[in-house]
């Protein structure tokens, strides 16, 4: 469920603003990071922490994303696409707010175009709103996988071969699928892989989980929208088949018939720096037309 929080970065007491930077490693993205850092340091009293892989390219001392979280940066600037943001969130236990600068193609998590990056960053130094988005907790045999900001995709490990599995919601059998897989998405992830597979677009303010079968054998197997507090268990039925569990396109694990996969609402949300007043519907319209 999305909610907004206002964070004030200035008061009568002088507060040193901490900003983290992560980026793709492409030359254009690295040049933009270097330019933004130089501009901020020359104009404002800020502390800058830079991802180690990025820092090595621009001659600066680096930090890990985990260190940025521990040092409580006010926000992290992610220069790249949605994948860069998702990788960064996966590294944090309790994610700090992220501002996405779009160096990719179609991205729903990146809000700022490179030409607007400087003035956007400068405007945030006096305060900003934070948009909190629910994530999914993923347990495989009781062991935590990285929480999902967008989706958990369960898919066949053998191309062109279907898997059979059960979806159990809050202890009740919801569906018995034969399909290439199923996507279990947050409201935020409804505009990502789930949408491409035919799922509905869900306003991120709606506390919901979306289940979308991938190429199901039965025509009656349709997408579902269920309450965000639901506990979902996925069981494979065919002992000779294996499946892949892919979290946000970032981590992949193989499961078999004896494994137990349980998905529920995560304790900590993903957080995004809110930019502009156009809102979700305007973003969907601009991205999909």
C-alpha atoms as a PDB file:
ATOM      1  CA  UNK A   1       0.000   0.000   0.000  1.00  0.00           C
ATOM      2  CA  UNK A   2       1.420   3.384  -0.989  1.00  0.00           C
ATOM      3  CA  UNK A   3       1.558   6.250   1.465  1.00  0.00           C
ATOM      4  CA  UNK A   4       3.309   9.609   1.454  1.00  0.00           C
ATOM      5  CA  UNK A   5       5.669  10.927   4.123  1.00  0.00           C
ATOM      6  CA  UNK A   6       7.214  14.394   4.143  1.00  0.00           C
ATOM      7  CA  UNK A   7      10.900  14.600   5.042  1.00  0.00           C
ATOM      8  CA  UNK A   8      12.271  18.048   5.898  1.00  0.00           C
ATOM      9  CA  UNK A   9      15.943  18.561   5.133  1.00  0.00           C
ATOM     10  CA  UNK A  10      16.319  22.063   6.547  1.00  0.00           C
ATOM     11  CA  UNK A  11      15.528  23.866   9.794  1.00  0.00           C
ATOM     12  CA  UNK A  12      16.967  26.478  12.120  1.00  0.00           C
ATOM     13  CA  UNK A  13      19.626  23.897  12.975  1.00  0.00           C
ATOM     14  CA  UNK A  14      22.211  23.282  10.264  1.00  0.00           C
ATOM     15  CA  UNK A  15      21.824  19.702   9.041  1.00  0.00           C
ATOM     16  CA  UNK A  16      24.326  18.058   6.711  1.00  0.00           C
ATOM     17  CA  UNK A  17      22.423  16.344   3.923  1.00  0.00           C
ATOM     18  CA  UNK A  18      23.675  12.884   2.933  1.00  0.00           C
ATOM     19  CA  UNK A  19      23.048  11.658  -0.604  1.00  0.00           C
ATOM     20  CA  UNK A  20      24.026   8.296  -2.073  1.00  0.00           C
ATOM     21  CA  UNK A  21      24.684   7.595  -5.748  1.00  0.00           C
ATOM     22  CA  UNK A  22      24.351   4.337  -7.690  1.00  0.00           C
ATOM     23  CA  UNK A  23      24.448   3.959 -11.450  1.00  0.00           C
ATOM     24  CA  UNK A  24      24.716   1.820 -14.502  1.00  0.00           C
ATOM     25  CA  UNK A  25      28.309   1.464 -15.650  1.00  0.00           C
ATOM     26  CA  UNK A  26      27.704   2.883 -19.116  1.00  0.00           C
ATOM     27  CA  UNK A  27      29.801   5.969 -20.015  1.00  0.00           C
ATOM     28  CA  UNK A  28      26.819   8.294 -20.409  1.00  0.00           C
ATOM     29  CA  UNK A  29      25.411   7.375 -16.990  1.00  0.00           C
ATOM     30  CA  UNK A  30      28.817   7.705 -15.307  1.00  0.00           C
ATOM     31  CA  UNK A  31      29.357  11.144 -16.837  1.00  0.00           C
ATOM     32  CA  UNK A  32      25.994  12.272 -15.500  1.00  0.00           C
ATOM     33  CA  UNK A  33      26.816  10.974 -12.001  1.00  0.00           C
ATOM     34  CA  UNK A  34      30.153  12.797 -11.998  1.00  0.00           C
ATOM     35  CA  UNK A  35      28.539  16.027 -13.184  1.00  0.00           C
ATOM     36  CA  UNK A  36      25.797  15.871 -10.543  1.00  0.00           C
ATOM     37  CA  UNK A  37      28.273  15.175  -7.735  1.00  0.00           C
ATOM     38  CA  UNK A  38      30.563  18.026  -8.781  1.00  0.00           C
ATOM     39  CA  UNK A  39      27.636  20.435  -9.009  1.00  0.00           C
ATOM     40  CA  UNK A  40      26.277  19.495  -5.583  1.00  0.00           C
ATOM     41  CA  UNK A  41      29.669  19.653  -3.873  1.00  0.00           C
ATOM     42  CA  UNK A  42      30.520  23.029  -5.393  1.00  0.00           C
ATOM     43  CA  UNK A  43      27.200  24.647  -4.489  1.00  0.00           C
ATOM     44  CA  UNK A  44      25.873  22.990  -1.317  1.00  0.00           C
ATOM     45  CA  UNK A  45      27.133  21.636   1.982  1.00  0.00           C
ATOM     46  CA  UNK A  46      26.311  17.975   1.343  1.00  0.00           C
ATOM     47  CA  UNK A  47      27.927  14.623   2.064  1.00  0.00           C
ATOM     48  CA  UNK A  48      28.108  12.333  -0.950  1.00  0.00           C
ATOM     49  CA  UNK A  49      28.452   8.542  -0.803  1.00  0.00           C
ATOM     50  CA  UNK A  50      29.084   6.738  -4.091  1.00  0.00           C
ATOM     51  CA  UNK A  51      28.671   3.057  -4.904  1.00  0.00           C
ATOM     52  CA  UNK A  52      32.113   1.423  -5.066  1.00  0.00           C
ATOM     53  CA  UNK A  53      31.768   0.148  -8.620  1.00  0.00           C
ATOM     54  CA  UNK A  54      30.767   3.624  -9.782  1.00  0.00           C
ATOM     55  CA  UNK A  55      33.382   5.447  -7.684  1.00  0.00           C
ATOM     56  CA  UNK A  56      36.197   3.461  -9.255  1.00  0.00           C
ATOM     57  CA  UNK A  57      35.227   4.868 -12.666  1.00  0.00           C
ATOM     58  CA  UNK A  58      35.175   8.525 -11.586  1.00  0.00           C
ATOM     59  CA  UNK A  59      38.120   8.639  -9.207  1.00  0.00           C
ATOM     60  CA  UNK A  60      36.283   8.797  -5.885  1.00  0.00           C
ATOM     61  CA  UNK A  61      36.287   6.736  -2.713  1.00  0.00           C
ATOM     62  CA  UNK A  62      33.399   4.304  -2.722  1.00  0.00           C
ATOM     63  CA  UNK A  63      30.821   2.869  -0.326  1.00  0.00           C
ATOM     64  CA  UNK A  64      28.458  -0.071  -0.534  1.00  0.00           C
ATOM     65  CA  UNK A  65      24.709   0.360  -0.654  1.00  0.00           C
ATOM     66  CA  UNK A  66      24.560  -1.378   2.720  1.00  0.00           C
ATOM     67  CA  UNK A  67      26.893   1.287   4.133  1.00  0.00           C
ATOM     68  CA  UNK A  68      24.671   4.009   2.714  1.00  0.00           C
ATOM     69  CA  UNK A  69      21.743   2.456   4.553  1.00  0.00           C
ATOM     70  CA  UNK A  70      23.685   2.185   7.823  1.00  0.00           C
ATOM     71  CA  UNK A  71      24.881   5.778   7.549  1.00  0.00           C
ATOM     72  CA  UNK A  72      21.280   6.872   7.021  1.00  0.00           C
ATOM     73  CA  UNK A  73      21.592   8.803   3.772  1.00  0.00           C
ATOM     74  CA  UNK A  74      18.589  11.028   3.179  1.00  0.00           C
ATOM     75  CA  UNK A  75      18.056   9.439  -0.229  1.00  0.00           C
ATOM     76  CA  UNK A  76      19.873   7.519  -2.959  1.00  0.00           C
ATOM     77  CA  UNK A  77      20.079   8.781  -6.531  1.00  0.00           C
ATOM     78  CA  UNK A  78      19.835   5.888  -8.989  1.00  0.00           C
ATOM     79  CA  UNK A  79      21.045   6.700 -12.507  1.00  0.00           C
ATOM     80  CA  UNK A  80      19.795   4.023 -14.892  1.00  0.00           C
ATOM     81  CA  UNK A  81      16.515   2.182 -15.323  1.00  0.00           C
ATOM     82  CA  UNK A  82      14.107   0.189 -13.179  1.00  0.00           C
ATOM     83  CA  UNK A  83      16.623  -2.652 -12.921  1.00  0.00           C
ATOM     84  CA  UNK A  84      19.203  -0.374 -11.287  1.00  0.00           C
ATOM     85  CA  UNK A  85      16.632   0.686  -8.697  1.00  0.00           C
ATOM     86  CA  UNK A  86      15.508  -2.889  -7.983  1.00  0.00           C
ATOM     87  CA  UNK A  87      19.094  -4.104  -7.534  1.00  0.00           C
ATOM     88  CA  UNK A  88      19.718  -1.269  -5.089  1.00  0.00           C
ATOM     89  CA  UNK A  89      16.580  -1.983  -3.056  1.00  0.00           C
ATOM     90  CA  UNK A  90      17.506  -5.686  -2.853  1.00  0.00           C
ATOM     91  CA  UNK A  91      20.711  -4.760  -1.018  1.00  0.00           C
ATOM     92  CA  UNK A  92      18.901  -2.946   1.806  1.00  0.00           C
ATOM     93  CA  UNK A  93      17.033  -4.445   4.734  1.00  0.00           C
ATOM     94  CA  UNK A  94      15.004  -1.285   5.404  1.00  0.00           C
ATOM     95  CA  UNK A  95      15.270   0.682   2.142  1.00  0.00           C
ATOM     96  CA  UNK A  96      16.030   4.408   2.207  1.00  0.00           C
ATOM     97  CA  UNK A  97      14.175   6.614  -0.324  1.00  0.00           C
ATOM     98  CA  UNK A  98      15.360   6.351  -3.928  1.00  0.00           C
ATOM     99  CA  UNK A  99      15.234   8.944  -6.687  1.00  0.00           C
ATOM    100  CA  UNK A 100      15.401   7.427 -10.167  1.00  0.00           C
ATOM    101  CA  UNK A 101      17.008   9.293 -13.059  1.00  0.00           C
ATOM    102  CA  UNK A 102      15.985   7.629 -16.284  1.00  0.00           C
ATOM    103  CA  UNK A 103      18.834   6.415 -18.481  1.00  0.00           C
ATOM    104  CA  UNK A 104      16.849   3.389 -19.632  1.00  0.00           C
ATOM    105  CA  UNK A 105      13.845   2.976 -21.906  1.00  0.00           C
ATOM    106  CA  UNK A 106      10.388   2.403 -20.435  1.00  0.00           C
ATOM    107  CA  UNK A 107      10.602   2.643 -16.657  1.00  0.00           C
ATOM    108  CA  UNK A 108       7.812   3.044 -14.108  1.00  0.00           C
ATOM    109  CA  UNK A 109      10.130   3.501 -11.114  1.00  0.00           C
ATOM    110  CA  UNK A 110      12.310   6.236 -12.637  1.00  0.00           C
ATOM    111  CA  UNK A 111      10.733   9.701 -12.534  1.00  0.00           C
ATOM    112  CA  UNK A 112      13.391  12.208 -13.616  1.00  0.00           C
ATOM    113  CA  UNK A 113      14.821  12.809 -17.078  1.00  0.00           C
ATOM    114  CA  UNK A 114      18.565  13.612 -17.254  1.00  0.00           C
ATOM    115  CA  UNK A 115      17.925  17.187 -18.408  1.00  0.00           C
ATOM    116  CA  UNK A 116      15.928  17.843 -15.233  1.00  0.00           C
ATOM    117  CA  UNK A 117      18.314  16.111 -12.815  1.00  0.00           C
ATOM    118  CA  UNK A 118      20.186  19.184 -11.501  1.00  0.00           C
ATOM    119  CA  UNK A 119      17.246  21.373 -10.611  1.00  0.00           C
ATOM    120  CA  UNK A 120      15.339  18.380  -9.222  1.00  0.00           C
ATOM    121  CA  UNK A 121      18.179  17.501  -6.856  1.00  0.00           C
ATOM    122  CA  UNK A 122      18.595  21.116  -5.765  1.00  0.00           C
ATOM    123  CA  UNK A 123      14.879  21.398  -5.002  1.00  0.00           C
ATOM    124  CA  UNK A 124      14.997  18.261  -2.825  1.00  0.00           C
ATOM    125  CA  UNK A 125      17.599  19.682  -0.460  1.00  0.00           C
ATOM    126  CA  UNK A 126      14.938  21.702   1.367  1.00  0.00           C
ATOM    127  CA  UNK A 127      12.644  18.695   1.824  1.00  0.00           C
ATOM    128  CA  UNK A 128      10.717  16.072  -0.093  1.00  0.00           C
ATOM    129  CA  UNK A 129       7.851  13.604   0.069  1.00  0.00           C
ATOM    130  CA  UNK A 130       8.437   9.864   0.309  1.00  0.00           C
ATOM    131  CA  UNK A 131       6.132   7.374  -1.388  1.00  0.00           C
ATOM    132  CA  UNK A 132       6.108   4.046   0.481  1.00  0.00           C
ATOM    133  CA  UNK A 133       5.281   0.918  -1.533  1.00  0.00           C
ATOM    134  CA  UNK A 134       4.531  -2.538  -0.142  1.00  0.00           C
ATOM    135  CA  UNK A 135       6.959  -5.370  -0.867  1.00  0.00           C
ATOM    136  CA  UNK A 136       6.495  -9.136  -0.772  1.00  0.00           C
ATOM    137  CA  UNK A 137       8.218 -11.393   1.739  1.00  0.00           C
ATOM    138  CA  UNK A 138       9.385 -14.607   0.067  1.00  0.00           C
ATOM    139  CA  UNK A 139      10.093 -17.736   2.118  1.00  0.00           C
ATOM    140  CA  UNK A 140      11.517 -20.862   0.503  1.00  0.00           C
ATOM    141  CA  UNK A 141      11.456 -23.746   2.983  1.00  0.00           C
ATOM    142  CA  UNK A 142      11.385 -21.156   5.752  1.00  0.00           C
ATOM    143  CA  UNK A 143      14.469 -19.304   4.447  1.00  0.00           C
ATOM    144  CA  UNK A 144      14.065 -15.681   3.309  1.00  0.00           C
ATOM    145  CA  UNK A 145      14.771 -14.780  -0.297  1.00  0.00           C
ATOM    146  CA  UNK A 146      15.120 -11.057  -1.121  1.00  0.00           C
ATOM    147  CA  UNK A 147      11.777  -9.228  -0.713  1.00  0.00           C
ATOM    148  CA  UNK A 148      10.062  -8.367  -4.003  1.00  0.00           C
ATOM    149  CA  UNK A 149       9.281  -4.765  -4.899  1.00  0.00           C
ATOM    150  CA  UNK A 150       7.699  -5.702  -8.236  1.00  0.00           C
ATOM    151  CA  UNK A 151       7.012  -9.423  -8.414  1.00  0.00           C
ATOM    152  CA  UNK A 152       7.848 -13.028  -7.724  1.00  0.00           C
ATOM    153  CA  UNK A 153       7.737 -15.067 -10.927  1.00  0.00           C
ATOM    154  CA  UNK A 154       7.417 -18.838 -10.732  1.00  0.00           C
ATOM    155  CA  UNK A 155       8.175 -20.361 -14.123  1.00  0.00           C
ATOM    156  CA  UNK A 156       9.102 -23.617 -15.770  1.00  0.00           C
ATOM    157  CA  UNK A 157      12.780 -24.534 -15.683  1.00  0.00           C
ATOM    158  CA  UNK A 158      12.392 -26.377 -19.009  1.00  0.00           C
ATOM    159  CA  UNK A 159      11.528 -24.218 -22.055  1.00  0.00           C
ATOM    160  CA  UNK A 160       8.260 -25.140 -23.807  1.00  0.00           C
ATOM    161  CA  UNK A 161       7.190 -27.462 -20.970  1.00  0.00           C
ATOM    162  CA  UNK A 162       4.383 -26.554 -18.586  1.00  0.00           C
ATOM    163  CA  UNK A 163       4.402 -27.042 -14.837  1.00  0.00           C
ATOM    164  CA  UNK A 164       1.474 -27.936 -12.633  1.00  0.00           C
ATOM    165  CA  UNK A 165       1.035 -26.259  -9.275  1.00  0.00           C
ATOM    166  CA  UNK A 166      -1.475 -25.235  -6.639  1.00  0.00           C
ATOM    167  CA  UNK A 167      -2.073 -21.734  -5.315  1.00  0.00           C
ATOM    168  CA  UNK A 168      -3.320 -21.704  -1.716  1.00  0.00           C
ATOM    169  CA  UNK A 169      -4.471 -18.360  -0.281  1.00  0.00           C
ATOM    170  CA  UNK A 170      -4.997 -18.024   3.470  1.00  0.00           C
ATOM    171  CA  UNK A 171      -5.286 -21.802   3.766  1.00  0.00           C
ATOM    172  CA  UNK A 172      -7.867 -22.247   0.982  1.00  0.00           C
ATOM    173  CA  UNK A 173      -7.162 -23.665  -2.476  1.00  0.00           C
ATOM    174  CA  UNK A 174      -7.600 -20.809  -4.939  1.00  0.00           C
ATOM    175  CA  UNK A 175      -6.440 -22.379  -8.183  1.00  0.00           C
ATOM    176  CA  UNK A 176      -4.900 -25.498  -9.659  1.00  0.00           C
ATOM    177  CA  UNK A 177      -2.787 -24.367 -12.624  1.00  0.00           C
ATOM    178  CA  UNK A 178      -1.144 -26.000 -15.579  1.00  0.00           C
ATOM    179  CA  UNK A 179       0.829 -23.197 -17.154  1.00  0.00           C
ATOM    180  CA  UNK A 180       4.254 -21.873 -18.041  1.00  0.00           C
ATOM    181  CA  UNK A 181       4.219 -20.229 -14.640  1.00  0.00           C
ATOM    182  CA  UNK A 182       2.559 -17.608 -12.486  1.00  0.00           C
ATOM    183  CA  UNK A 183       3.475 -14.031 -11.566  1.00  0.00           C
ATOM    184  CA  UNK A 184       2.696 -12.828  -8.047  1.00  0.00           C
ATOM    185  CA  UNK A 185       3.026  -9.049  -8.056  1.00  0.00           C
ATOM    186  CA  UNK A 186       2.608  -6.039  -5.818  1.00  0.00           C
ATOM    187  CA  UNK A 187       0.456  -3.114  -6.903  1.00  0.00           C
ATOM    188  CA  UNK A 188       3.705  -1.409  -7.903  1.00  0.00           C
ATOM    189  CA  UNK A 189       4.685  -4.443  -9.973  1.00  0.00           C
ATOM    190  CA  UNK A 190       1.305  -4.559 -11.721  1.00  0.00           C
ATOM    191  CA  UNK A 191       2.770  -2.283 -14.433  1.00  0.00           C
ATOM    192  CA  UNK A 192       5.833  -4.498 -14.953  1.00  0.00           C
ATOM    193  CA  UNK A 193       6.051  -8.202 -15.887  1.00  0.00           C
ATOM    194  CA  UNK A 194       2.502  -8.854 -14.669  1.00  0.00           C
ATOM    195  CA  UNK A 195       1.072  -6.293 -17.105  1.00  0.00           C
ATOM    196  CA  UNK A 196       3.029  -7.829 -19.990  1.00  0.00           C
ATOM    197  CA  UNK A 197       1.467 -11.201 -19.141  1.00  0.00           C
ATOM    198  CA  UNK A 198      -2.055  -9.764 -19.302  1.00  0.00           C
ATOM    199  CA  UNK A 199      -2.602  -8.706 -15.707  1.00  0.00           C
ATOM    200  CA  UNK A 200      -4.518  -5.606 -14.590  1.00  0.00           C
ATOM    201  CA  UNK A 201      -2.970  -2.222 -13.793  1.00  0.00           C
ATOM    202  CA  UNK A 202      -3.465  -1.528 -10.086  1.00  0.00           C
ATOM    203  CA  UNK A 203      -3.136   1.889  -8.468  1.00  0.00           C
ATOM    204  CA  UNK A 204      -0.205   1.583  -5.988  1.00  0.00           C
ATOM    205  CA  UNK A 205      -2.411   3.119  -3.283  1.00  0.00           C
ATOM    206  CA  UNK A 206      -4.428  -0.122  -3.351  1.00  0.00           C
ATOM    207  CA  UNK A 207      -3.154  -2.666  -0.825  1.00  0.00           C
ATOM    208  CA  UNK A 208      -3.368  -5.699  -3.085  1.00  0.00           C
ATOM    209  CA  UNK A 209      -1.484  -8.619  -4.575  1.00  0.00           C
ATOM    210  CA  UNK A 210      -1.937  -9.578  -8.226  1.00  0.00           C
ATOM    211  CA  UNK A 211      -1.684 -13.185  -9.450  1.00  0.00           C
ATOM    212  CA  UNK A 212      -1.289 -13.662 -13.197  1.00  0.00           C
ATOM    213  CA  UNK A 213      -1.010 -17.123 -14.819  1.00  0.00           C
ATOM    214  CA  UNK A 214       1.508 -17.314 -17.666  1.00  0.00           C
ATOM    215  CA  UNK A 215       0.093 -19.062 -20.758  1.00  0.00           C
ATOM    216  CA  UNK A 216      -2.342 -21.255 -18.755  1.00  0.00           C
ATOM    217  CA  UNK A 217      -3.690 -24.483 -20.238  1.00  0.00           C
ATOM    218  CA  UNK A 218      -7.263 -23.734 -19.088  1.00  0.00           C
ATOM    219  CA  UNK A 219      -9.056 -20.715 -20.554  1.00  0.00           C
ATOM    220  CA  UNK A 220     -10.807 -20.325 -17.211  1.00  0.00           C
ATOM    221  CA  UNK A 221      -7.511 -19.525 -15.461  1.00  0.00           C
ATOM    222  CA  UNK A 222      -7.629 -15.735 -15.202  1.00  0.00           C
ATOM    223  CA  UNK A 223      -5.700 -13.069 -13.279  1.00  0.00           C
ATOM    224  CA  UNK A 224      -6.673 -12.481  -9.652  1.00  0.00           C
ATOM    225  CA  UNK A 225      -6.472  -9.442  -7.376  1.00  0.00           C
ATOM    226  CA  UNK A 226      -6.420 -10.443  -3.710  1.00  0.00           C
ATOM    227  CA  UNK A 227      -5.996  -8.539  -0.413  1.00  0.00           C
ATOM    228  CA  UNK A 228      -2.487  -7.327   0.352  1.00  0.00           C
ATOM    229  CA  UNK A 229      -2.448  -9.100   3.740  1.00  0.00           C
ATOM    230  CA  UNK A 230      -3.000 -12.518   2.158  1.00  0.00           C
ATOM    231  CA  UNK A 231      -0.608 -15.408   2.747  1.00  0.00           C
ATOM    232  CA  UNK A 232       0.046 -17.297  -0.478  1.00  0.00           C
ATOM    233  CA  UNK A 233       1.501 -20.788  -0.679  1.00  0.00           C
ATOM    234  CA  UNK A 234       2.660 -22.296  -3.967  1.00  0.00           C
ATOM    235  CA  UNK A 235       3.095 -26.054  -4.336  1.00  0.00           C
ATOM    236  CA  UNK A 236       4.430 -27.952  -7.352  1.00  0.00           C
ATOM    237  CA  UNK A 237       2.485 -31.120  -8.179  1.00  0.00           C
ATOM    238  CA  UNK A 238       4.627 -33.048 -10.672  1.00  0.00           C
ATOM    239  CA  UNK A 239       7.671 -34.671  -9.014  1.00  0.00           C
ATOM    240  CA  UNK A 240       9.708 -34.857 -12.223  1.00  0.00           C
ATOM    241  CA  UNK A 241       9.424 -31.124 -12.926  1.00  0.00           C
ATOM    242  CA  UNK A 242      11.447 -28.241 -11.484  1.00  0.00           C
ATOM    243  CA  UNK A 243      10.606 -24.549 -11.506  1.00  0.00           C
ATOM    244  CA  UNK A 244      12.451 -21.278 -11.160  1.00  0.00           C
ATOM    245  CA  UNK A 245      11.595 -18.613  -8.604  1.00  0.00           C
ATOM    246  CA  UNK A 246      12.709 -15.204  -9.915  1.00  0.00           C
ATOM    247  CA  UNK A 247      12.453 -12.171  -7.613  1.00  0.00           C
ATOM    248  CA  UNK A 248      12.263  -8.807  -9.399  1.00  0.00           C
ATOM    249  CA  UNK A 249      14.362 -10.235 -12.224  1.00  0.00           C
ATOM    250  CA  UNK A 250      17.353  -9.993  -9.876  1.00  0.00           C
ATOM    251  CA  UNK A 251      17.676 -13.349  -8.092  1.00  0.00           C
ATOM    252  CA  UNK A 252      16.843 -16.862  -9.315  1.00  0.00           C
ATOM    253  CA  UNK A 253      16.324 -20.036  -7.276  1.00  0.00           C
ATOM    254  CA  UNK A 254      15.326 -23.545  -8.392  1.00  0.00           C
ATOM    255  CA  UNK A 255      12.531 -25.360  -6.560  1.00  0.00           C
ATOM    256  CA  UNK A 256      11.057 -28.857  -6.812  1.00  0.00           C
ATOM    257  CA  UNK A 257       7.973 -30.711  -5.636  1.00  0.00           C
ATOM    258  CA  UNK A 258       9.210 -31.096  -2.051  1.00  0.00           C
ATOM    259  CA  UNK A 259       9.853 -27.389  -1.564  1.00  0.00           C
ATOM    260  CA  UNK A 260       7.490 -24.926   0.081  1.00  0.00           C
ATOM    261  CA  UNK A 261       7.156 -21.366  -1.228  1.00  0.00           C
ATOM    262  CA  UNK A 262       5.230 -18.899   0.948  1.00  0.00           C
ATOM    263  CA  UNK A 263       4.636 -15.273  -0.052  1.00  0.00           C
ATOM    264  CA  UNK A 264       3.193 -12.531   2.150  1.00  0.00           C
ATOM    265  CA  UNK A 265       3.452  -8.808   2.798  1.00  0.00           C
ATOM    266  CA  UNK A 266       6.955  -7.733   3.833  1.00  0.00           C
ATOM    267  CA  UNK A 267       7.592  -5.885   7.088  1.00  0.00           C
ATOM    268  CA  UNK A 268       9.457  -2.981   5.456  1.00  0.00           C
ATOM    269  CA  UNK A 269       8.336  -1.121   2.314  1.00  0.00           C
ATOM    270  CA  UNK A 270      10.272   0.206  -0.643  1.00  0.00           C
ATOM    271  CA  UNK A 271      10.560   3.992  -0.539  1.00  0.00           C
ATOM    272  CA  UNK A 272      10.698   6.443  -3.423  1.00  0.00           C
ATOM    273  CA  UNK A 273      11.288  10.188  -3.539  1.00  0.00           C
ATOM    274  CA  UNK A 274       8.070  11.676  -4.853  1.00  0.00           C
ATOM    275  CA  UNK A 275       8.500  14.072  -7.767  1.00  0.00           C
ATOM    276  CA  UNK A 276       5.796  16.314  -9.224  1.00  0.00           C
ATOM    277  CA  UNK A 277       2.066  16.349  -8.732  1.00  0.00           C
ATOM    278  CA  UNK A 278       0.886  14.534 -11.872  1.00  0.00           C
ATOM    279  CA  UNK A 279       0.297  11.250 -10.071  1.00  0.00           C
ATOM    280  CA  UNK A 280       0.065   7.612 -11.086  1.00  0.00           C
ATOM    281  CA  UNK A 281      -2.558   7.898 -13.814  1.00  0.00           C
ATOM    282  CA  UNK A 282      -0.634  10.567 -15.689  1.00  0.00           C
ATOM    283  CA  UNK A 283       2.510   8.427 -15.476  1.00  0.00           C
ATOM    284  CA  UNK A 284       0.707   5.380 -16.888  1.00  0.00           C
ATOM    285  CA  UNK A 285      -0.718   7.449 -19.715  1.00  0.00           C
ATOM    286  CA  UNK A 286       2.648   8.971 -20.620  1.00  0.00           C
ATOM    287  CA  UNK A 287       4.518   5.661 -20.452  1.00  0.00           C
ATOM    288  CA  UNK A 288       2.033   3.566 -22.433  1.00  0.00           C
ATOM    289  CA  UNK A 289       1.072   5.932 -25.246  1.00  0.00           C
END
